[in-house]
């Protein structure tokens, strides 16, 4: 609902959730539900393949306004630091 690109496209349904190990913060998986989920999953897959942490994903630049900003927001939410929720 808070993603500028989704608002501009008139489709704000869906969500992204990043799951990370409680002690190491390594990304274990992601839930991506919505119209453009297939466009967003690659970022999570690459991060998992390289053993990235949610902090690594959160520190990655995400252009505005893009749908990929939800990945940034979800990575921040792992540590309860989300900007818009």
Protein backbone atom coordinates (compact mmCIF):
# COMPACT_ATOMS: atom_id res chain seq x y z
CA UNK A 1 0.00 0.00 0.00
CA UNK A 2 2.88 2.39 0.66
CA UNK A 3 4.83 1.66 -2.53
CA UNK A 4 4.84 4.67 -4.88
CA UNK A 5 5.03 2.60 -8.05
CA UNK A 6 2.15 0.34 -6.98
CA UNK A 7 0.08 3.40 -6.11
CA UNK A 8 0.82 4.90 -9.52
CA UNK A 9 -0.22 1.68 -11.24
CA UNK A 10 -3.42 1.51 -9.21
CA UNK A 11 -2.65 -1.96 -7.80
CA UNK A 12 -1.62 -1.97 -4.16
CA UNK A 13 -2.61 -5.52 -3.29
CA UNK A 14 0.07 -7.92 -2.10
CA UNK A 15 3.02 -7.98 0.25
CA UNK A 16 6.65 -9.05 0.66
CA UNK A 17 8.11 -10.71 3.74
CA UNK A 18 11.77 -11.62 4.16
CA UNK A 19 12.60 -14.46 6.55
CA UNK A 20 16.03 -14.44 8.20
CA UNK A 21 17.83 -16.55 10.79
CA UNK A 22 17.34 -15.05 14.27
CA UNK A 23 21.02 -15.25 15.20
CA UNK A 24 22.96 -14.87 11.95
CA UNK A 25 20.47 -12.71 10.00
CA UNK A 26 21.10 -14.87 6.90
CA UNK A 27 18.12 -14.76 4.54
CA UNK A 28 16.29 -18.09 4.63
CA UNK A 29 13.43 -17.26 2.29
CA UNK A 30 10.87 -14.74 1.16
CA UNK A 31 7.12 -14.58 0.68
CA UNK A 32 6.08 -12.42 -2.26
CA UNK A 33 2.38 -12.12 -3.01
CA UNK A 34 0.98 -9.82 -5.69
CA UNK A 35 0.63 -9.02 -9.34
CA UNK A 36 4.36 -8.58 -10.00
CA UNK A 37 5.75 -11.22 -7.64
CA UNK A 38 7.61 -12.92 -10.47
CA UNK A 39 9.49 -9.67 -11.15
CA UNK A 40 10.68 -9.41 -7.54
CA UNK A 41 11.67 -12.95 -6.58
CA UNK A 42 15.04 -12.87 -8.38
CA UNK A 43 16.48 -10.38 -5.90
CA UNK A 44 15.67 -12.70 -2.99
CA UNK A 45 17.04 -15.74 -4.84
CA UNK A 46 20.37 -14.03 -5.61
CA UNK A 47 20.68 -12.84 -2.02
CA UNK A 48 20.05 -16.37 -0.72
CA UNK A 49 22.49 -17.90 -3.22
CA UNK A 50 25.27 -15.63 -1.96
CA UNK A 51 24.39 -16.11 1.71
CA UNK A 52 23.32 -12.50 2.19
CA UNK A 53 21.82 -11.17 5.38
CA UNK A 54 18.70 -9.06 5.59
CA UNK A 55 21.02 -6.18 6.45
CA UNK A 56 22.91 -6.74 3.17
CA UNK A 57 19.61 -6.52 1.29
CA UNK A 58 18.53 -3.45 3.26
CA UNK A 59 21.79 -1.65 2.40
CA UNK A 60 21.39 -2.32 -1.33
CA UNK A 61 20.25 0.71 -3.34
CA UNK A 62 16.67 0.48 -4.63
CA UNK A 63 15.54 3.10 -7.11
CA UNK A 64 12.42 5.20 -6.49
CA UNK A 65 9.71 4.78 -7.60
CA UNK A 66 10.02 1.06 -8.34
CA UNK A 67 8.28 -2.05 -7.15
CA UNK A 68 11.64 -3.41 -5.94
CA UNK A 69 11.53 -0.90 -3.10
CA UNK A 70 9.26 -3.38 -1.32
CA UNK A 71 12.24 -5.74 -1.04
CA UNK A 72 14.17 -2.98 0.74
CA UNK A 73 11.21 -2.32 3.04
CA UNK A 74 10.81 -6.04 3.83
CA UNK A 75 14.53 -6.39 4.60
CA UNK A 76 14.31 -3.46 7.01
CA UNK A 77 11.22 -5.01 8.61
CA UNK A 78 13.25 -8.09 9.64
CA UNK A 79 14.87 -5.86 12.25
CA UNK A 80 11.68 -3.83 12.85
CA UNK A 81 13.14 -0.79 11.02
CA UNK A 82 10.69 -0.48 8.13
CA UNK A 83 10.15 3.05 6.87
CA UNK A 84 6.50 2.89 5.84
CA UNK A 85 4.92 0.23 8.07
